[in-house]
Every structure is written in structure tokens, then in C-alpha cells.
Amino acid sequence: MTKQVIEAEVISQPEGFSYKERYTNYAEQTKKVSVFAWVMGLLSLAFSLIPVFGFIFGLIALTISLIKKTAPVLPILALIISGFITTLFLLVVAVFRAIF
């Protein structure tokens, strides 16, 4: 079996088109951070102490951060906190309903 060497194809840039310029424009666009998504993340962290509303707001903030392609750290943390608080709240409500 003989090895066939495949030569690389040389690609030339089309006229009026710069790959380097296109790459720098793309890099600048992807580095932009969505302030709205981060504010929603911070608000979801604050609202996570409210039992049911905080969980719903956390889901909305998580959805927004995924759509805007920002790091969903704050909404996930808010969902964990609000999940515990909502569970405890619903447990207390269930105990009160069972007693009364």
C-alpha cells in the first residue's frame, strides 16, 4: 500500500473581502456582554428569597441569559436557592393544612 500525499489547497481571498477584518468584527460582537441579562440575573438572586415568585423569576432570568449567551451562573444559583425556599414554604403550607 502506497501512501498518497494530499496537498493543501490554497484559498485566495475574494476581492473586497478581508478574512482578518471579518474575524475581528466577529470577535468584537461576541465579547459584548448583555447588561440586561446580568441585571436579570442579579434581580433573580434578590427575588430568590420570595417563595414562588423567585423560582418563576429565576426561570425567566435563566432563559434570558441562555438567549443572550451570557454565563448563567447567577440564575442557576438563584434557582437553587429559590428551589429550597419554595420547597420549605410549600412544606409548611402542607403541614398547616393538615393541622387545620
PDB file of N, CA and C in Angstrom:
ATOM      1  N   MET A   1       0.829  -1.177   0.000  1.00  0.00           N
ATOM      2  CA  MET A   1       0.000   0.000   0.000  1.00  0.00           C
ATOM      3  C   MET A   1       0.880   1.249   0.000  1.00  0.00           C
ATOM      4  N   THR A   2       0.699   2.076  -0.975  1.00  0.00           N
ATOM      5  CA  THR A   2       1.490   3.302  -1.035  1.00  0.00           C
ATOM      6  C   THR A   2       0.692   4.443  -0.428  1.00  0.00           C
ATOM      7  N   LYS A   3       1.395   5.319   0.228  1.00  0.00           N
ATOM      8  CA  LYS A   3       0.741   6.476   0.829  1.00  0.00           C
ATOM      9  C   LYS A   3       0.636   7.585  -0.201  1.00  0.00           C
ATOM     10  N   GLN A   4      -0.547   8.124  -0.321  1.00  0.00           N
ATOM     11  CA  GLN A   4      -0.743   9.251  -1.217  1.00  0.00           C
ATOM     12  C   GLN A   4      -0.770  10.525  -0.376  1.00  0.00           C
ATOM     13  N   VAL A   5       0.044  11.426  -0.744  1.00  0.00           N
ATOM     14  CA  VAL A   5       0.108  12.696  -0.025  1.00  0.00           C
ATOM     15  C   VAL A   5      -0.898  13.656  -0.653  1.00  0.00           C
ATOM     16  N   ILE A   6      -1.766  14.151   0.180  1.00  0.00           N
ATOM     17  CA  ILE A   6      -2.765  15.109  -0.296  1.00  0.00           C
ATOM     18  C   ILE A   6      -2.231  16.503  -0.034  1.00  0.00           C
ATOM     19  N   GLU A   7      -2.127  17.271  -1.068  1.00  0.00           N
ATOM     20  CA  GLU A   7      -1.614  18.627  -0.915  1.00  0.00           C
ATOM     21  C   GLU A   7      -2.738  19.564  -0.502  1.00  0.00           C
ATOM     22  N   ALA A   8      -2.381  20.553   0.313  1.00  0.00           N
ATOM     23  CA  ALA A   8      -3.360  21.534   0.775  1.00  0.00           C
ATOM     24  C   ALA A   8      -3.748  22.462  -0.362  1.00  0.00           C
ATOM     25  N   GLU A   9      -4.999  22.805  -0.382  1.00  0.00           N
ATOM     26  CA  GLU A   9      -5.493  23.712  -1.402  1.00  0.00           C
ATOM     27  C   GLU A   9      -5.290  25.145  -0.916  1.00  0.00           C
ATOM     28  N   VAL A  10      -4.757  25.979  -1.747  1.00  0.00           N
ATOM     29  CA  VAL A  10      -4.527  27.378  -1.402  1.00  0.00           C
ATOM     30  C   VAL A  10      -5.796  28.154  -1.718  1.00  0.00           C
ATOM     31  N   ILE A  11      -6.330  28.795  -0.677  1.00  0.00           N
ATOM     32  CA  ILE A  11      -7.562  29.571  -0.855  1.00  0.00           C
ATOM     33  C   ILE A  11      -7.184  31.047  -0.888  1.00  0.00           C
ATOM     34  N   SER A  12      -7.604  31.704  -1.912  1.00  0.00           N
ATOM     35  CA  SER A  12      -7.306  33.133  -2.005  1.00  0.00           C
ATOM     36  C   SER A  12      -8.548  33.922  -1.579  1.00  0.00           C
ATOM     37  N   GLN A  13      -8.286  35.109  -1.032  1.00  0.00           N
ATOM     38  CA  GLN A  13      -9.388  35.961  -0.595  1.00  0.00           C
ATOM     39  C   GLN A  13     -10.082  36.569  -1.803  1.00  0.00           C
ATOM     40  N   PRO A  14     -11.399  36.641  -1.758  1.00  0.00           N
ATOM     41  CA  PRO A  14     -12.100  37.352  -2.830  1.00  0.00           C
ATOM     42  C   PRO A  14     -11.790  38.857  -2.746  1.00  0.00           C
ATOM     43  N   GLU A  15     -11.953  39.530  -3.834  1.00  0.00           N
ATOM     44  CA  GLU A  15     -11.686  40.973  -3.844  1.00  0.00           C
ATOM     45  C   GLU A  15     -12.722  41.685  -2.977  1.00  0.00           C
ATOM     46  N   GLY A  16     -12.245  42.650  -2.198  1.00  0.00           N
ATOM     47  CA  GLY A  16     -13.143  43.422  -1.352  1.00  0.00           C
ATOM     48  C   GLY A  16     -13.565  42.700  -0.085  1.00  0.00           C
ATOM     49  N   PHE A  17     -12.945  41.585   0.231  1.00  0.00           N
ATOM     50  CA  PHE A  17     -13.299  40.797   1.406  1.00  0.00           C
ATOM     51  C   PHE A  17     -12.028  40.480   2.179  1.00  0.00           C
ATOM     52  N   SER A  18     -12.047  40.756   3.468  1.00  0.00           N
ATOM     53  CA  SER A  18     -10.863  40.506   4.283  1.00  0.00           C
ATOM     54  C   SER A  18     -11.239  39.541   5.402  1.00  0.00           C
ATOM     55  N   TYR A  19     -10.590  38.392   5.420  1.00  0.00           N
ATOM     56  CA  TYR A  19     -10.872  37.416   6.471  1.00  0.00           C
ATOM     57  C   TYR A  19     -10.486  37.957   7.843  1.00  0.00           C
ATOM     58  N   LYS A  20      -9.376  38.686   7.901  1.00  0.00           N
ATOM     59  CA  LYS A  20      -8.911  39.231   9.178  1.00  0.00           C
ATOM     60  C   LYS A  20      -9.902  40.258   9.719  1.00  0.00           C
ATOM     61  N   GLU A  21     -10.386  41.135   8.866  1.00  0.00           N
ATOM     62  CA  GLU A  21     -11.362  42.136   9.292  1.00  0.00           C
ATOM     63  C   GLU A  21     -12.667  41.463   9.738  1.00  0.00           C
ATOM     64  N   ARG A  22     -13.056  40.470   9.004  1.00  0.00           N
ATOM     65  CA  ARG A  22     -14.291  39.741   9.336  1.00  0.00           C
ATOM     66  C   ARG A  22     -14.151  39.055  10.700  1.00  0.00           C
ATOM     67  N   TYR A  23     -12.994  38.475  10.965  1.00  0.00           N
ATOM     68  CA  TYR A  23     -12.750  37.804  12.239  1.00  0.00           C
ATOM     69  C   TYR A  23     -12.736  38.797  13.397  1.00  0.00           C
ATOM     70  N   THR A  24     -12.094  39.955  13.206  1.00  0.00           N
ATOM     71  CA  THR A  24     -12.058  40.936  14.298  1.00  0.00           C
ATOM     72  C   THR A  24     -13.448  41.484  14.585  1.00  0.00           C
ATOM     73  N   ASN A  25     -14.268  41.684  13.556  1.00  0.00           N
ATOM     74  CA  ASN A  25     -15.653  42.125  13.779  1.00  0.00           C
ATOM     75  C   ASN A  25     -16.438  41.073  14.551  1.00  0.00           C
ATOM     76  N   TYR A  26     -16.259  39.815  14.191  1.00  0.00           N
ATOM     77  CA  TYR A  26     -16.955  38.728  14.875  1.00  0.00           C
ATOM     78  C   TYR A  26     -16.498  38.624  16.331  1.00  0.00           C
ATOM     79  N   ALA A  27     -15.198  38.774  16.565  1.00  0.00           N
ATOM     80  CA  ALA A  27     -14.665  38.687  17.924  1.00  0.00           C
ATOM     81  C   ALA A  27     -15.193  39.822  18.789  1.00  0.00           C
ATOM     82  N   GLU A  28     -15.316  41.015  18.232  1.00  0.00           N
ATOM     83  CA  GLU A  28     -15.848  42.142  18.996  1.00  0.00           C
ATOM     84  C   GLU A  28     -17.317  41.931  19.333  1.00  0.00           C
ATOM     85  N   GLN A  29     -18.084  41.376  18.406  1.00  0.00           N
ATOM     86  CA  GLN A  29     -19.505  41.147  18.661  1.00  0.00           C
ATOM     87  C   GLN A  29     -19.711  40.095  19.744  1.00  0.00           C
ATOM     88  N   THR A  30     -18.891  39.064  19.769  1.00  0.00           N
ATOM     89  CA  THR A  30     -19.086  38.000  20.751  1.00  0.00           C
ATOM     90  C   THR A  30     -18.598  38.403  22.128  1.00  0.00           C
ATOM     91  N   LYS A  31     -17.718  39.388  22.215  1.00  0.00           N
ATOM     92  CA  LYS A  31     -17.231  39.828  23.516  1.00  0.00           C
ATOM     93  C   LYS A  31     -18.189  40.788  24.213  1.00  0.00           C
ATOM     94  N   LYS A  32     -19.168  41.313  23.513  1.00  0.00           N
ATOM     95  CA  LYS A  32     -20.119  42.238  24.123  1.00  0.00           C
ATOM     96  C   LYS A  32     -20.971  41.476  25.136  1.00  0.00           C
ATOM     97  N   VAL A  33     -21.089  42.066  26.308  1.00  0.00           N
ATOM     98  CA  VAL A  33     -21.838  41.428  27.382  1.00  0.00           C
ATOM     99  C   VAL A  33     -23.212  42.084  27.459  1.00  0.00           C
ATOM    100  N   SER A  34     -24.229  41.277  27.599  1.00  0.00           N
ATOM    101  CA  SER A  34     -25.581  41.794  27.713  1.00  0.00           C
ATOM    102  C   SER A  34     -25.822  42.272  29.140  1.00  0.00           C
ATOM    103  N   VAL A  35     -25.941  43.572  29.300  1.00  0.00           N
ATOM    104  CA  VAL A  35     -26.189  44.158  30.617  1.00  0.00           C
ATOM    105  C   VAL A  35     -27.561  43.726  31.128  1.00  0.00           C
ATOM    106  N   PHE A  36     -28.525  43.629  30.224  1.00  0.00           N
ATOM    107  CA  PHE A  36     -29.879  43.234  30.599  1.00  0.00           C
ATOM    108  C   PHE A  36     -29.891  41.835  31.221  1.00  0.00           C
ATOM    109  N   ALA A  37     -29.146  40.920  30.646  1.00  0.00           N
ATOM    110  CA  ALA A  37     -29.108  39.551  31.169  1.00  0.00           C
ATOM    111  C   ALA A  37     -28.456  39.514  32.552  1.00  0.00           C
ATOM    112  N   TRP A  38     -27.396  40.301  32.752  1.00  0.00           N
ATOM    113  CA  TRP A  38     -26.752  40.327  34.067  1.00  0.00           C
ATOM    114  C   TRP A  38     -27.641  40.985  35.116  1.00  0.00           C
ATOM    115  N   VAL A  39     -28.378  42.028  34.737  1.00  0.00           N
ATOM    116  CA  VAL A  39     -29.302  42.670  35.678  1.00  0.00           C
ATOM    117  C   VAL A  39     -30.416  41.699  36.059  1.00  0.00           C
ATOM    118  N   MET A  40     -30.915  40.969  35.088  1.00  0.00           N
ATOM    119  CA  MET A  40     -31.949  39.967  35.379  1.00  0.00           C
ATOM    120  C   MET A  40     -31.393  38.880  36.294  1.00  0.00           C
ATOM    121  N   GLY A  41     -30.140  38.499  36.107  1.00  0.00           N
ATOM    122  CA  GLY A  41     -29.504  37.516  36.983  1.00  0.00           C
ATOM    123  C   GLY A  41     -29.387  38.019  38.409  1.00  0.00           C
ATOM    124  N   LEU A  42     -28.981  39.279  38.567  1.00  0.00           N
ATOM    125  CA  LEU A  42     -28.889  39.863  39.904  1.00  0.00           C
ATOM    126  C   LEU A  42     -30.266  39.990  40.553  1.00  0.00           C
ATOM    127  N   LEU A  43     -31.260  40.408  39.767  1.00  0.00           N
ATOM    128  CA  LEU A  43     -32.620  40.501  40.302  1.00  0.00           C
ATOM    129  C   LEU A  43     -33.161  39.128  40.690  1.00  0.00           C
ATOM    130  N   SER A  44     -32.840  38.120  39.905  1.00  0.00           N
ATOM    131  CA  SER A  44     -33.315  36.777  40.243  1.00  0.00           C
ATOM    132  C   SER A  44     -32.674  36.289  41.526  1.00  0.00           C
ATOM    133  N   LEU A  45     -31.426  36.693  41.756  1.00  0.00           N
ATOM    134  CA  LEU A  45     -30.756  36.337  43.005  1.00  0.00           C
ATOM    135  C   LEU A  45     -31.430  37.034  44.183  1.00  0.00           C
ATOM    136  N   ALA A  46     -31.831  38.288  43.998  1.00  0.00           N
ATOM    137  CA  ALA A  46     -32.522  39.015  45.067  1.00  0.00           C
ATOM    138  C   ALA A  46     -33.929  38.463  45.293  1.00  0.00           C
ATOM    139  N   PHE A  47     -34.642  38.155  44.208  1.00  0.00           N
ATOM    140  CA  PHE A  47     -36.006  37.656  44.330  1.00  0.00           C
ATOM    141  C   PHE A  47     -36.070  36.185  44.724  1.00  0.00           C
ATOM    142  N   SER A  48     -34.932  35.518  44.789  1.00  0.00           N
ATOM    143  CA  SER A  48     -34.951  34.094  45.132  1.00  0.00           C
ATOM    144  C   SER A  48     -35.410  33.858  46.567  1.00  0.00           C
ATOM    145  N   LEU A  49     -35.432  34.892  47.377  1.00  0.00           N
ATOM    146  CA  LEU A  49     -35.907  34.751  48.751  1.00  0.00           C
ATOM    147  C   LEU A  49     -37.423  34.780  48.851  1.00  0.00           C
ATOM    148  N   ILE A  50     -38.108  35.176  47.796  1.00  0.00           N
ATOM    149  CA  ILE A  50     -39.573  35.155  47.763  1.00  0.00           C
ATOM    150  C   ILE A  50     -39.986  33.778  47.240  1.00  0.00           C
ATOM    151  N   PRO A  51     -40.814  33.038  47.998  1.00  0.00           N
ATOM    152  CA  PRO A  51     -41.021  31.612  47.708  1.00  0.00           C
ATOM    153  C   PRO A  51     -41.352  31.218  46.272  1.00  0.00           C
ATOM    154  N   VAL A  52     -42.500  31.532  45.739  1.00  0.00           N
ATOM    155  CA  VAL A  52     -42.875  31.012  44.425  1.00  0.00           C
ATOM    156  C   VAL A  52     -42.446  31.967  43.313  1.00  0.00           C
ATOM    157  N   PHE A  53     -42.616  33.248  43.564  1.00  0.00           N
ATOM    158  CA  PHE A  53     -42.261  34.260  42.567  1.00  0.00           C
ATOM    159  C   PHE A  53     -40.779  34.203  42.220  1.00  0.00           C
ATOM    160  N   GLY A  54     -39.932  33.972  43.203  1.00  0.00           N
ATOM    161  CA  GLY A  54     -38.493  33.909  42.977  1.00  0.00           C
ATOM    162  C   GLY A  54     -38.098  32.770  42.051  1.00  0.00           C
ATOM    163  N   PHE A  55     -38.781  31.629  42.177  1.00  0.00           N
ATOM    164  CA  PHE A  55     -38.480  30.492  41.312  1.00  0.00           C
ATOM    165  C   PHE A  55     -38.881  30.791  39.868  1.00  0.00           C
ATOM    166  N   ILE A  56     -40.052  31.382  39.690  1.00  0.00           N
ATOM    167  CA  ILE A  56     -40.525  31.723  38.347  1.00  0.00           C
ATOM    168  C   ILE A  56     -39.612  32.781  37.724  1.00  0.00           C
ATOM    169  N   PHE A  57     -39.233  33.784  38.520  1.00  0.00           N
ATOM    170  CA  PHE A  57     -38.342  34.831  38.024  1.00  0.00           C
ATOM    171  C   PHE A  57     -36.968  34.256  37.684  1.00  0.00           C
ATOM    172  N   GLY A  58     -36.518  33.286  38.465  1.00  0.00           N
ATOM    173  CA  GLY A  58     -35.244  32.627  38.175  1.00  0.00           C
ATOM    174  C   GLY A  58     -35.285  31.876  36.849  1.00  0.00           C
ATOM    175  N   LEU A  59     -36.394  31.222  36.564  1.00  0.00           N
ATOM    176  CA  LEU A  59     -36.534  30.539  35.271  1.00  0.00           C
ATOM    177  C   LEU A  59     -36.511  31.525  34.111  1.00  0.00           C
ATOM    178  N   ILE A  60     -37.186  32.667  34.302  1.00  0.00           N
ATOM    179  CA  ILE A  60     -37.188  33.692  33.256  1.00  0.00           C
ATOM    180  C   ILE A  60     -35.778  34.243  33.051  1.00  0.00           C
ATOM    181  N   ALA A  61     -35.072  34.517  34.155  1.00  0.00           N
ATOM    182  CA  ALA A  61     -33.699  35.035  34.054  1.00  0.00           C
ATOM    183  C   ALA A  61     -32.770  34.017  33.403  1.00  0.00           C
ATOM    184  N   LEU A  62     -32.959  32.737  33.704  1.00  0.00           N
ATOM    185  CA  LEU A  62     -32.145  31.694  33.079  1.00  0.00           C
ATOM    186  C   LEU A  62     -32.399  31.638  31.578  1.00  0.00           C
ATOM    187  N   THR A  63     -33.651  31.743  31.194  1.00  0.00           N
ATOM    188  CA  THR A  63     -33.992  31.732  29.769  1.00  0.00           C
ATOM    189  C   THR A  63     -33.365  32.925  29.049  1.00  0.00           C
ATOM    190  N   ILE A  64     -33.448  34.094  29.674  1.00  0.00           N
ATOM    191  CA  ILE A  64     -32.874  35.295  29.055  1.00  0.00           C
ATOM    192  C   ILE A  64     -31.358  35.168  28.930  1.00  0.00           C
ATOM    193  N   SER A  65     -30.705  34.644  29.968  1.00  0.00           N
ATOM    194  CA  SER A  65     -29.250  34.520  29.898  1.00  0.00           C
ATOM    195  C   SER A  65     -28.819  33.491  28.854  1.00  0.00           C
ATOM    196  N   LEU A  66     -29.620  32.458  28.639  1.00  0.00           N
ATOM    197  CA  LEU A  66     -29.294  31.488  27.594  1.00  0.00           C
ATOM    198  C   LEU A  66     -29.523  32.065  26.202  1.00  0.00           C
ATOM    199  N   ILE A  67     -30.562  32.879  26.065  1.00  0.00           N
ATOM    200  CA  ILE A  67     -30.834  33.504  24.769  1.00  0.00           C
ATOM    201  C   ILE A  67     -29.752  34.526  24.432  1.00  0.00           C
ATOM    202  N   LYS A  68     -29.351  35.323  25.435  1.00  0.00           N
ATOM    203  CA  LYS A  68     -28.338  36.353  25.216  1.00  0.00           C
ATOM    204  C   LYS A  68     -26.916  35.798  25.237  1.00  0.00           C
ATOM    205  N   LYS A  69     -26.776  34.506  25.503  1.00  0.00           N
ATOM    206  CA  LYS A  69     -25.490  33.805  25.514  1.00  0.00           C
ATOM    207  C   LYS A  69     -24.506  34.410  26.516  1.00  0.00           C
ATOM    208  N   THR A  70     -24.994  34.638  27.734  1.00  0.00           N
ATOM    209  CA  THR A  70     -24.129  35.055  28.832  1.00  0.00           C
ATOM    210  C   THR A  70     -24.025  33.897  29.817  1.00  0.00           C
ATOM    211  N   ALA A  71     -23.115  34.006  30.736  1.00  0.00           N
ATOM    212  CA  ALA A  71     -22.918  32.930  31.710  1.00  0.00           C
ATOM    213  C   ALA A  71     -24.120  32.849  32.649  1.00  0.00           C
ATOM    214  N   PRO A  72     -24.782  31.697  32.727  1.00  0.00           N
ATOM    215  CA  PRO A  72     -25.987  31.581  33.560  1.00  0.00           C
ATOM    216  C   PRO A  72     -25.675  31.222  35.013  1.00  0.00           C
ATOM    217  N   VAL A  73     -24.598  31.758  35.568  1.00  0.00           N
ATOM    218  CA  VAL A  73     -24.201  31.419  36.931  1.00  0.00           C
ATOM    219  C   VAL A  73     -25.205  31.958  37.942  1.00  0.00           C
ATOM    220  N   LEU A  74     -25.531  33.236  37.844  1.00  0.00           N
ATOM    221  CA  LEU A  74     -26.441  33.852  38.809  1.00  0.00           C
ATOM    222  C   LEU A  74     -27.858  33.268  38.755  1.00  0.00           C
ATOM    223  N   PRO A  75     -28.449  33.090  37.571  1.00  0.00           N
ATOM    224  CA  PRO A  75     -29.783  32.490  37.551  1.00  0.00           C
ATOM    225  C   PRO A  75     -29.817  31.047  38.081  1.00  0.00           C
ATOM    226  N   ILE A  76     -28.768  30.268  37.831  1.00  0.00           N
ATOM    227  CA  ILE A  76     -28.752  28.891  38.349  1.00  0.00           C
ATOM    228  C   ILE A  76     -28.627  28.897  39.862  1.00  0.00           C
ATOM    229  N   LEU A  77     -27.781  29.782  40.393  1.00  0.00           N
ATOM    230  CA  LEU A  77     -27.666  29.921  41.844  1.00  0.00           C
ATOM    231  C   LEU A  77     -28.983  30.392  42.443  1.00  0.00           C
ATOM    232  N   ALA A  78     -29.642  31.325  41.789  1.00  0.00           N
ATOM    233  CA  ALA A  78     -30.937  31.804  42.258  1.00  0.00           C
ATOM    234  C   ALA A  78     -31.985  30.693  42.206  1.00  0.00           C
ATOM    235  N   LEU A  79     -31.934  29.858  41.176  1.00  0.00           N
ATOM    236  CA  LEU A  79     -32.887  28.745  41.090  1.00  0.00           C
ATOM    237  C   LEU A  79     -32.665  27.728  42.206  1.00  0.00           C
ATOM    238  N   ILE A  80     -31.422  27.487  42.558  1.00  0.00           N
ATOM    239  CA  ILE A  80     -31.139  26.547  43.650  1.00  0.00           C
ATOM    240  C   ILE A  80     -31.668  27.104  44.968  1.00  0.00           C
ATOM    241  N   ILE A  81     -31.370  28.370  45.232  1.00  0.00           N
ATOM    242  CA  ILE A  81     -31.830  28.989  46.482  1.00  0.00           C
ATOM    243  C   ILE A  81     -33.351  29.053  46.523  1.00  0.00           C
ATOM    244  N   SER A  82     -33.968  29.535  45.447  1.00  0.00           N
ATOM    245  CA  SER A  82     -35.426  29.652  45.447  1.00  0.00           C
ATOM    246  C   SER A  82     -36.099  28.285  45.450  1.00  0.00           C
ATOM    247  N   GLY A  83     -35.436  27.281  44.908  1.00  0.00           N
ATOM    248  CA  GLY A  83     -35.997  25.926  44.964  1.00  0.00           C
ATOM    249  C   GLY A  83     -36.087  25.431  46.397  1.00  0.00           C
ATOM    250  N   PHE A  84     -35.028  25.638  47.185  1.00  0.00           N
ATOM    251  CA  PHE A  84     -35.065  25.254  48.600  1.00  0.00           C
ATOM    252  C   PHE A  84     -36.116  26.049  49.362  1.00  0.00           C
ATOM    253  N   ILE A  85     -36.162  27.350  49.141  1.00  0.00           N
ATOM    254  CA  ILE A  85     -37.113  28.193  49.870  1.00  0.00           C
ATOM    255  C   ILE A  85     -38.547  27.864  49.476  1.00  0.00           C
ATOM    256  N   THR A  86     -38.794  27.663  48.195  1.00  0.00           N
ATOM    257  CA  THR A  86     -40.143  27.307  47.754  1.00  0.00           C
ATOM    258  C   THR A  86     -40.555  25.948  48.306  1.00  0.00           C
ATOM    259  N   THR A  87     -39.643  25.006  48.344  1.00  0.00           N
ATOM    260  CA  THR A  87     -39.949  23.682  48.906  1.00  0.00           C
ATOM    261  C   THR A  87     -40.292  23.781  50.381  1.00  0.00           C
ATOM    262  N   LEU A  88     -39.507  24.538  51.128  1.00  0.00           N
ATOM    263  CA  LEU A  88     -39.809  24.713  52.559  1.00  0.00           C
ATOM    264  C   LEU A  88     -41.140  25.421  52.759  1.00  0.00           C
ATOM    265  N   PHE A  89     -41.414  26.423  51.954  1.00  0.00           N
ATOM    266  CA  PHE A  89     -42.677  27.148  52.050  1.00  0.00           C
ATOM    267  C   PHE A  89     -43.863  26.226  51.768  1.00  0.00           C
ATOM    268  N   LEU A  90     -43.774  25.444  50.712  1.00  0.00           N
ATOM    269  CA  LEU A  90     -44.874  24.536  50.383  1.00  0.00           C
ATOM    270  C   LEU A  90     -45.016  23.431  51.428  1.00  0.00           C
ATOM    271  N   LEU A  91     -43.920  23.018  52.043  1.00  0.00           N
ATOM    272  CA  LEU A  91     -43.967  22.033  53.114  1.00  0.00           C
ATOM    273  C   LEU A  91     -44.678  22.598  54.334  1.00  0.00           C
ATOM    274  N   VAL A  92     -44.380  23.840  54.685  1.00  0.00           N
ATOM    275  CA  VAL A  92     -45.049  24.490  55.825  1.00  0.00           C
ATOM    276  C   VAL A  92     -46.537  24.662  55.529  1.00  0.00           C
ATOM    277  N   VAL A  93     -46.885  25.046  54.312  1.00  0.00           N
ATOM    278  CA  VAL A  93     -48.291  25.198  53.941  1.00  0.00           C
ATOM    279  C   VAL A  93     -49.002  23.847  54.032  1.00  0.00           C
ATOM    280  N   ALA A  94     -48.370  22.784  53.598  1.00  0.00           N
ATOM    281  CA  ALA A  94     -48.982  21.455  53.660  1.00  0.00           C
ATOM    282  C   ALA A  94     -49.182  21.015  55.115  1.00  0.00           C
ATOM    283  N   VAL A  95     -48.223  21.322  55.981  1.00  0.00           N
ATOM    284  CA  VAL A  95     -48.366  20.966  57.398  1.00  0.00           C
ATOM    285  C   VAL A  95     -49.510  21.753  58.025  1.00  0.00           C
ATOM    286  N   PHE A  96     -49.602  23.044  57.740  1.00  0.00           N
ATOM    287  CA  PHE A  96     -50.705  23.842  58.266  1.00  0.00           C
ATOM    288  C   PHE A  96     -52.060  23.363  57.765  1.00  0.00           C
ATOM    289  N   ARG A  97     -52.133  22.948  56.526  1.00  0.00           N
ATOM    290  CA  ARG A  97     -53.406  22.421  56.007  1.00  0.00           C
ATOM    291  C   ARG A  97     -53.766  21.099  56.676  1.00  0.00           C
ATOM    292  N   ALA A  98     -52.765  20.310  56.982  1.00  0.00           N
ATOM    293  CA  ALA A  98     -53.032  19.026  57.643  1.00  0.00           C
ATOM    294  C   ALA A  98     -53.495  19.251  59.091  1.00  0.00           C
ATOM    295  N   ILE A  99     -52.942  20.259  59.743  1.00  0.00           N
ATOM    296  CA  ILE A  99     -53.334  20.534  61.132  1.00  0.00           C
ATOM    297  C   ILE A  99     -54.696  21.178  61.198  1.00  0.00           C
ATOM    298  N   PHE A 100     -54.950  22.161  60.386  1.00  0.00           N
ATOM    299  CA  PHE A 100     -56.224  22.897  60.459  1.00  0.00           C
ATOM    300  C   PHE A 100     -57.158  22.380  59.460  1.00  0.00           C
TER     301      PHE A 100
END
